[in-house]
Amino acid sequence: MLDRVKVIQGDITKQTVDAIVNAANTTLLGGGGVDGAIHREAGPHLVWECRKLGGCPTGGARITKGYYLPAKHVIHAVGPIWQGGTCGEDKLLARAYRSAFELVEQHGITSVALPAISTGAYRFPLDRATRIAVRETRSCLERNLTLKLVHFVCYERPAYDAYVAAVAETFG
């Protein structure tokens, strides 16, 4: 199963995969960090399609076209804002990844690139978030044989290091 998982330091908007996952906010209309970068690179049609979706609750995910991105689809997953760990943040983050993987399965996606959802402006602790992301990825790969490749794409070195450690711990 480890041969289906890669950790990459780079720009998620440049990944040539079936779908990239966006660390979206509940409006789906763009923001900062990964969300803003994806919206800029995809072009104005992405925000138009997102407006039609009417938002997304925390823990949920929605799918759109990729427009000017190399990826055919964007899966907008809404992670929680960190509030100290006492407001169900772990469960909400796990649900955001599960929701994204449900869309992967429903749409027959064979390759996907994922960011570190909620770890930027939402301040979710990086090590904790990466363990949740990798655990949910392993669970998906165990049941979905159609998904051939998962890239954890990390813009900065600390995220890359955290994912390498979490993948080694989870996939052994």
C-alpha atoms as a PDB file:
ATOM      1  CA  MET A   1       0.000   0.000   0.000  1.00  0.00           C
ATOM      2  CA  LEU A   2       2.933   2.334   0.671  1.00  0.00           C
ATOM      3  CA  ASP A   3       3.712   2.308  -3.066  1.00  0.00           C
ATOM      4  CA  ARG A   4       0.445   4.228  -3.569  1.00  0.00           C
ATOM      5  CA  VAL A   5       1.468   7.105  -1.238  1.00  0.00           C
ATOM      6  CA  LYS A   6       4.022   9.863  -1.835  1.00  0.00           C
ATOM      7  CA  VAL A   7       5.035  12.918   0.163  1.00  0.00           C
ATOM      8  CA  ILE A   8       6.080  15.850  -2.022  1.00  0.00           C
ATOM      9  CA  GLN A   9       7.356  19.295  -1.169  1.00  0.00           C
ATOM     10  CA  GLY A  10       5.918  21.650  -3.764  1.00  0.00           C
ATOM     11  CA  ASP A  11       2.922  23.525  -5.095  1.00  0.00           C
ATOM     12  CA  ILE A  12      -0.380  21.621  -5.108  1.00  0.00           C
ATOM     13  CA  THR A  13      -1.670  23.728  -8.010  1.00  0.00           C
ATOM     14  CA  LYS A  14       1.024  22.232 -10.269  1.00  0.00           C
ATOM     15  CA  GLN A  15       0.165  18.573  -9.577  1.00  0.00           C
ATOM     16  CA  THR A  16      -0.885  16.488 -12.576  1.00  0.00           C
ATOM     17  CA  VAL A  17      -3.450  14.241 -10.903  1.00  0.00           C
ATOM     18  CA  ASP A  18      -7.145  13.533 -11.396  1.00  0.00           C
ATOM     19  CA  ALA A  19      -8.061  15.758  -8.434  1.00  0.00           C
ATOM     20  CA  ILE A  20      -6.486  18.118  -5.969  1.00  0.00           C
ATOM     21  CA  VAL A  21      -8.020  18.715  -2.583  1.00  0.00           C
ATOM     22  CA  ASN A  22      -8.517  22.305  -1.512  1.00  0.00           C
ATOM     23  CA  ALA A  23      -8.304  23.308   2.157  1.00  0.00           C
ATOM     24  CA  ALA A  24     -11.462  25.375   1.736  1.00  0.00           C
ATOM     25  CA  ASN A  25     -13.511  27.594   3.997  1.00  0.00           C
ATOM     26  CA  THR A  26     -17.270  27.136   4.423  1.00  0.00           C
ATOM     27  CA  THR A  27     -18.143  29.677   1.700  1.00  0.00           C
ATOM     28  CA  LEU A  28     -16.004  27.844  -0.926  1.00  0.00           C
ATOM     29  CA  LEU A  29     -15.353  31.251  -2.486  1.00  0.00           C
ATOM     30  CA  GLY A  30     -11.605  31.420  -1.937  1.00  0.00           C
ATOM     31  CA  GLY A  31      -9.420  32.731   0.825  1.00  0.00           C
ATOM     32  CA  GLY A  32      -5.763  32.686   1.752  1.00  0.00           C
ATOM     33  CA  GLY A  33      -3.082  30.016   1.601  1.00  0.00           C
ATOM     34  CA  VAL A  34      -3.856  26.887  -0.416  1.00  0.00           C
ATOM     35  CA  ASP A  35      -7.443  28.002  -1.007  1.00  0.00           C
ATOM     36  CA  GLY A  36      -6.414  31.329  -2.527  1.00  0.00           C
ATOM     37  CA  ALA A  37      -3.689  29.743  -4.642  1.00  0.00           C
ATOM     38  CA  ILE A  38      -6.082  27.162  -6.075  1.00  0.00           C
ATOM     39  CA  HIS A  39      -8.698  29.797  -6.902  1.00  0.00           C
ATOM     40  CA  ARG A  40      -6.100  32.044  -8.576  1.00  0.00           C
ATOM     41  CA  GLU A  41      -4.639  29.247 -10.702  1.00  0.00           C
ATOM     42  CA  ALA A  42      -8.012  27.709 -11.644  1.00  0.00           C
ATOM     43  CA  GLY A  43      -9.373  31.021 -12.894  1.00  0.00           C
ATOM     44  CA  PRO A  44     -12.712  32.810 -12.429  1.00  0.00           C
ATOM     45  CA  HIS A  45     -14.878  29.882 -13.502  1.00  0.00           C
ATOM     46  CA  LEU A  46     -14.033  28.075 -10.258  1.00  0.00           C
ATOM     47  CA  VAL A  47     -15.581  30.734  -8.046  1.00  0.00           C
ATOM     48  CA  TRP A  48     -18.638  30.846 -10.315  1.00  0.00           C
ATOM     49  CA  GLU A  49     -19.148  27.102  -9.910  1.00  0.00           C
ATOM     50  CA  CYS A  50     -18.511  27.335  -6.164  1.00  0.00           C
ATOM     51  CA  ARG A  51     -21.181  30.039  -5.820  1.00  0.00           C
ATOM     52  CA  LYS A  52     -23.719  27.605  -7.249  1.00  0.00           C
ATOM     53  CA  LEU A  53     -22.824  25.053  -4.548  1.00  0.00           C
ATOM     54  CA  GLY A  54     -23.979  27.359  -1.750  1.00  0.00           C
ATOM     55  CA  GLY A  55     -21.128  26.617   0.644  1.00  0.00           C
ATOM     56  CA  CYS A  56     -20.161  23.551   2.622  1.00  0.00           C
ATOM     57  CA  PRO A  57     -20.255  22.740   6.338  1.00  0.00           C
ATOM     58  CA  THR A  58     -17.120  22.047   8.358  1.00  0.00           C
ATOM     59  CA  GLY A  59     -16.209  18.389   7.893  1.00  0.00           C
ATOM     60  CA  GLY A  60     -17.822  18.261   4.469  1.00  0.00           C
ATOM     61  CA  ALA A  61     -16.497  18.329   0.918  1.00  0.00           C
ATOM     62  CA  ARG A  62     -17.728  19.378  -2.527  1.00  0.00           C
ATOM     63  CA  ILE A  63     -16.316  18.707  -5.993  1.00  0.00           C
ATOM     64  CA  THR A  64     -15.884  21.058  -8.941  1.00  0.00           C
ATOM     65  CA  LYS A  65     -14.024  21.112 -12.223  1.00  0.00           C
ATOM     66  CA  GLY A  66     -10.341  22.064 -12.192  1.00  0.00           C
ATOM     67  CA  TYR A  67     -10.603  24.607 -15.024  1.00  0.00           C
ATOM     68  CA  TYR A  68      -7.069  25.981 -15.701  1.00  0.00           C
ATOM     69  CA  LEU A  69      -5.379  23.615 -13.222  1.00  0.00           C
ATOM     70  CA  PRO A  70      -3.582  20.462 -14.444  1.00  0.00           C
ATOM     71  CA  ALA A  71      -6.038  18.494 -12.262  1.00  0.00           C
ATOM     72  CA  LYS A  72      -9.414  17.624 -13.767  1.00  0.00           C
ATOM     73  CA  HIS A  73     -11.236  18.187 -10.448  1.00  0.00           C
ATOM     74  CA  VAL A  74     -10.948  20.206  -7.242  1.00  0.00           C
ATOM     75  CA  ILE A  75     -12.353  18.644  -4.086  1.00  0.00           C
ATOM     76  CA  HIS A  76     -13.061  21.407  -1.579  1.00  0.00           C
ATOM     77  CA  ALA A  77     -12.746  19.957   1.939  1.00  0.00           C
ATOM     78  CA  VAL A  78     -13.602  22.162   4.906  1.00  0.00           C
ATOM     79  CA  GLY A  79     -11.533  21.484   7.990  1.00  0.00           C
ATOM     80  CA  PRO A  80     -12.098  22.922  11.453  1.00  0.00           C
ATOM     81  CA  ILE A  81     -10.584  25.996  13.040  1.00  0.00           C
ATOM     82  CA  TRP A  82      -8.412  24.889  15.992  1.00  0.00           C
ATOM     83  CA  GLN A  83      -9.952  25.942  19.311  1.00  0.00           C
ATOM     84  CA  GLY A  84      -7.689  24.085  21.692  1.00  0.00           C
ATOM     85  CA  GLY A  85      -8.848  20.571  20.900  1.00  0.00           C
ATOM     86  CA  THR A  86     -11.971  20.645  23.041  1.00  0.00           C
ATOM     87  CA  CYS A  87     -14.537  21.323  20.307  1.00  0.00           C
ATOM     88  CA  GLY A  88     -14.374  18.088  18.341  1.00  0.00           C
ATOM     89  CA  GLU A  89     -11.660  19.329  15.984  1.00  0.00           C
ATOM     90  CA  ASP A  90     -10.064  15.885  15.519  1.00  0.00           C
ATOM     91  CA  LYS A  91     -13.390  14.340  14.479  1.00  0.00           C
ATOM     92  CA  LEU A  92     -14.201  17.233  12.154  1.00  0.00           C
ATOM     93  CA  LEU A  93     -10.814  17.036  10.449  1.00  0.00           C
ATOM     94  CA  ALA A  94     -11.140  13.267  10.017  1.00  0.00           C
ATOM     95  CA  ARG A  95     -14.632  13.807   8.599  1.00  0.00           C
ATOM     96  CA  ALA A  96     -13.283  16.375   6.098  1.00  0.00           C
ATOM     97  CA  TYR A  97     -10.768  13.828   4.782  1.00  0.00           C
ATOM     98  CA  ARG A  98     -13.410  11.047   4.725  1.00  0.00           C
ATOM     99  CA  SER A  99     -15.799  13.347   2.834  1.00  0.00           C
ATOM    100  CA  ALA A 100     -13.082  14.100   0.283  1.00  0.00           C
ATOM    101  CA  PHE A 101     -12.317  10.393  -0.142  1.00  0.00           C
ATOM    102  CA  GLU A 102     -16.027   9.622  -0.588  1.00  0.00           C
ATOM    103  CA  LEU A 103     -16.025  12.012  -3.563  1.00  0.00           C
ATOM    104  CA  VAL A 104     -12.861  10.344  -4.868  1.00  0.00           C
ATOM    105  CA  GLU A 105     -14.698   7.010  -4.817  1.00  0.00           C
ATOM    106  CA  GLN A 106     -17.950   8.371  -6.285  1.00  0.00           C
ATOM    107  CA  HIS A 107     -16.151   9.989  -9.224  1.00  0.00           C
ATOM    108  CA  GLY A 108     -13.738   7.141  -9.994  1.00  0.00           C
ATOM    109  CA  ILE A 109     -10.707   9.296  -9.277  1.00  0.00           C
ATOM    110  CA  THR A 110      -7.465   7.312  -9.479  1.00  0.00           C
ATOM    111  CA  SER A 111      -4.957   9.943  -8.325  1.00  0.00           C
ATOM    112  CA  VAL A 112      -5.336  12.733  -5.788  1.00  0.00           C
ATOM    113  CA  ALA A 113      -3.130  15.405  -4.206  1.00  0.00           C
ATOM    114  CA  LEU A 114      -3.874  16.531  -0.653  1.00  0.00           C
ATOM    115  CA  PRO A 115      -2.693  19.557   1.348  1.00  0.00           C
ATOM    116  CA  ALA A 116      -2.371  19.726   5.128  1.00  0.00           C
ATOM    117  CA  ILE A 117      -5.980  20.779   5.767  1.00  0.00           C
ATOM    118  CA  SER A 118      -6.569  23.211   8.669  1.00  0.00           C
ATOM    119  CA  THR A 119      -2.887  23.601   9.554  1.00  0.00           C
ATOM    120  CA  GLY A 120      -2.358  27.098   8.149  1.00  0.00           C
ATOM    121  CA  ALA A 121      -4.622  29.964   9.145  1.00  0.00           C
ATOM    122  CA  TYR A 122      -6.894  27.531  11.032  1.00  0.00           C
ATOM    123  CA  ARG A 123      -3.934  26.696  13.356  1.00  0.00           C
ATOM    124  CA  PHE A 124      -4.567  22.940  13.741  1.00  0.00           C
ATOM    125  CA  PRO A 125      -1.350  21.466  15.233  1.00  0.00           C
ATOM    126  CA  LEU A 126       0.670  20.091  12.319  1.00  0.00           C
ATOM    127  CA  ASP A 127       1.782  16.748  13.810  1.00  0.00           C
ATOM    128  CA  ARG A 128      -1.718  15.990  15.046  1.00  0.00           C
ATOM    129  CA  ALA A 129      -3.299  16.942  11.705  1.00  0.00           C
ATOM    130  CA  THR A 130      -0.872  14.874   9.649  1.00  0.00           C
ATOM    131  CA  ARG A 131      -1.505  11.753  11.736  1.00  0.00           C
ATOM    132  CA  ILE A 132      -5.255  12.178  11.162  1.00  0.00           C
ATOM    133  CA  ALA A 133      -4.755  12.761   7.417  1.00  0.00           C
ATOM    134  CA  VAL A 134      -2.511   9.730   6.967  1.00  0.00           C
ATOM    135  CA  ARG A 135      -4.768   7.487   9.079  1.00  0.00           C
ATOM    136  CA  GLU A 136      -7.825   8.455   6.992  1.00  0.00           C
ATOM    137  CA  THR A 137      -5.822   7.944   3.793  1.00  0.00           C
ATOM    138  CA  ARG A 138      -4.795   4.445   4.862  1.00  0.00           C
ATOM    139  CA  SER A 139      -8.419   3.605   5.676  1.00  0.00           C
ATOM    140  CA  CYS A 140      -9.484   4.782   2.210  1.00  0.00           C
ATOM    141  CA  LEU A 141      -6.731   2.865   0.428  1.00  0.00           C
ATOM    142  CA  GLU A 142      -7.654  -0.337   2.273  1.00  0.00           C
ATOM    143  CA  ARG A 143     -11.158  -0.299   0.800  1.00  0.00           C
ATOM    144  CA  ASN A 144     -10.671   1.591  -2.493  1.00  0.00           C
ATOM    145  CA  LEU A 145      -8.484  -0.308  -4.932  1.00  0.00           C
ATOM    146  CA  THR A 146      -9.336   2.140  -7.731  1.00  0.00           C
ATOM    147  CA  LEU A 147      -7.337   4.904  -6.037  1.00  0.00           C
ATOM    148  CA  LYS A 148      -3.822   4.263  -7.320  1.00  0.00           C
ATOM    149  CA  LEU A 149      -1.911   7.309  -6.078  1.00  0.00           C
ATOM    150  CA  VAL A 150      -2.150   9.755  -3.175  1.00  0.00           C
ATOM    151  CA  HIS A 151       0.257  12.687  -3.004  1.00  0.00           C
ATOM    152  CA  PHE A 152       0.581  14.635   0.236  1.00  0.00           C
ATOM    153  CA  VAL A 153       1.774  17.964  -1.155  1.00  0.00           C
ATOM    154  CA  CYS A 154       3.516  20.201   1.344  1.00  0.00           C
ATOM    155  CA  TYR A 155       4.422  23.766   0.494  1.00  0.00           C
ATOM    156  CA  GLU A 156       6.831  24.175   3.414  1.00  0.00           C
ATOM    157  CA  ARG A 157       9.504  21.915   4.890  1.00  0.00           C
ATOM    158  CA  PRO A 158       7.919  21.484   8.375  1.00  0.00           C
ATOM    159  CA  ALA A 159       4.774  20.016   6.788  1.00  0.00           C
ATOM    160  CA  TYR A 160       6.872  17.760   4.553  1.00  0.00           C
ATOM    161  CA  ASP A 161       8.811  16.454   7.569  1.00  0.00           C
ATOM    162  CA  ALA A 162       5.595  15.885   9.547  1.00  0.00           C
ATOM    163  CA  TYR A 163       4.036  13.909   6.680  1.00  0.00           C
ATOM    164  CA  VAL A 164       7.148  11.801   6.144  1.00  0.00           C
ATOM    165  CA  ALA A 165       7.069  10.883   9.846  1.00  0.00           C
ATOM    166  CA  ALA A 166       3.314  10.183   9.863  1.00  0.00           C
ATOM    167  CA  VAL A 167       3.521   8.021   6.728  1.00  0.00           C
ATOM    168  CA  ALA A 168       6.419   6.015   8.206  1.00  0.00           C
ATOM    169  CA  GLU A 169       4.484   5.572  11.472  1.00  0.00           C
ATOM    170  CA  THR A 170       1.196   4.581   9.813  1.00  0.00           C
ATOM    171  CA  PHE A 171       2.402   2.501   6.888  1.00  0.00           C
ATOM    172  CA  GLY A 172       5.521   1.183   8.627  1.00  0.00           C
END
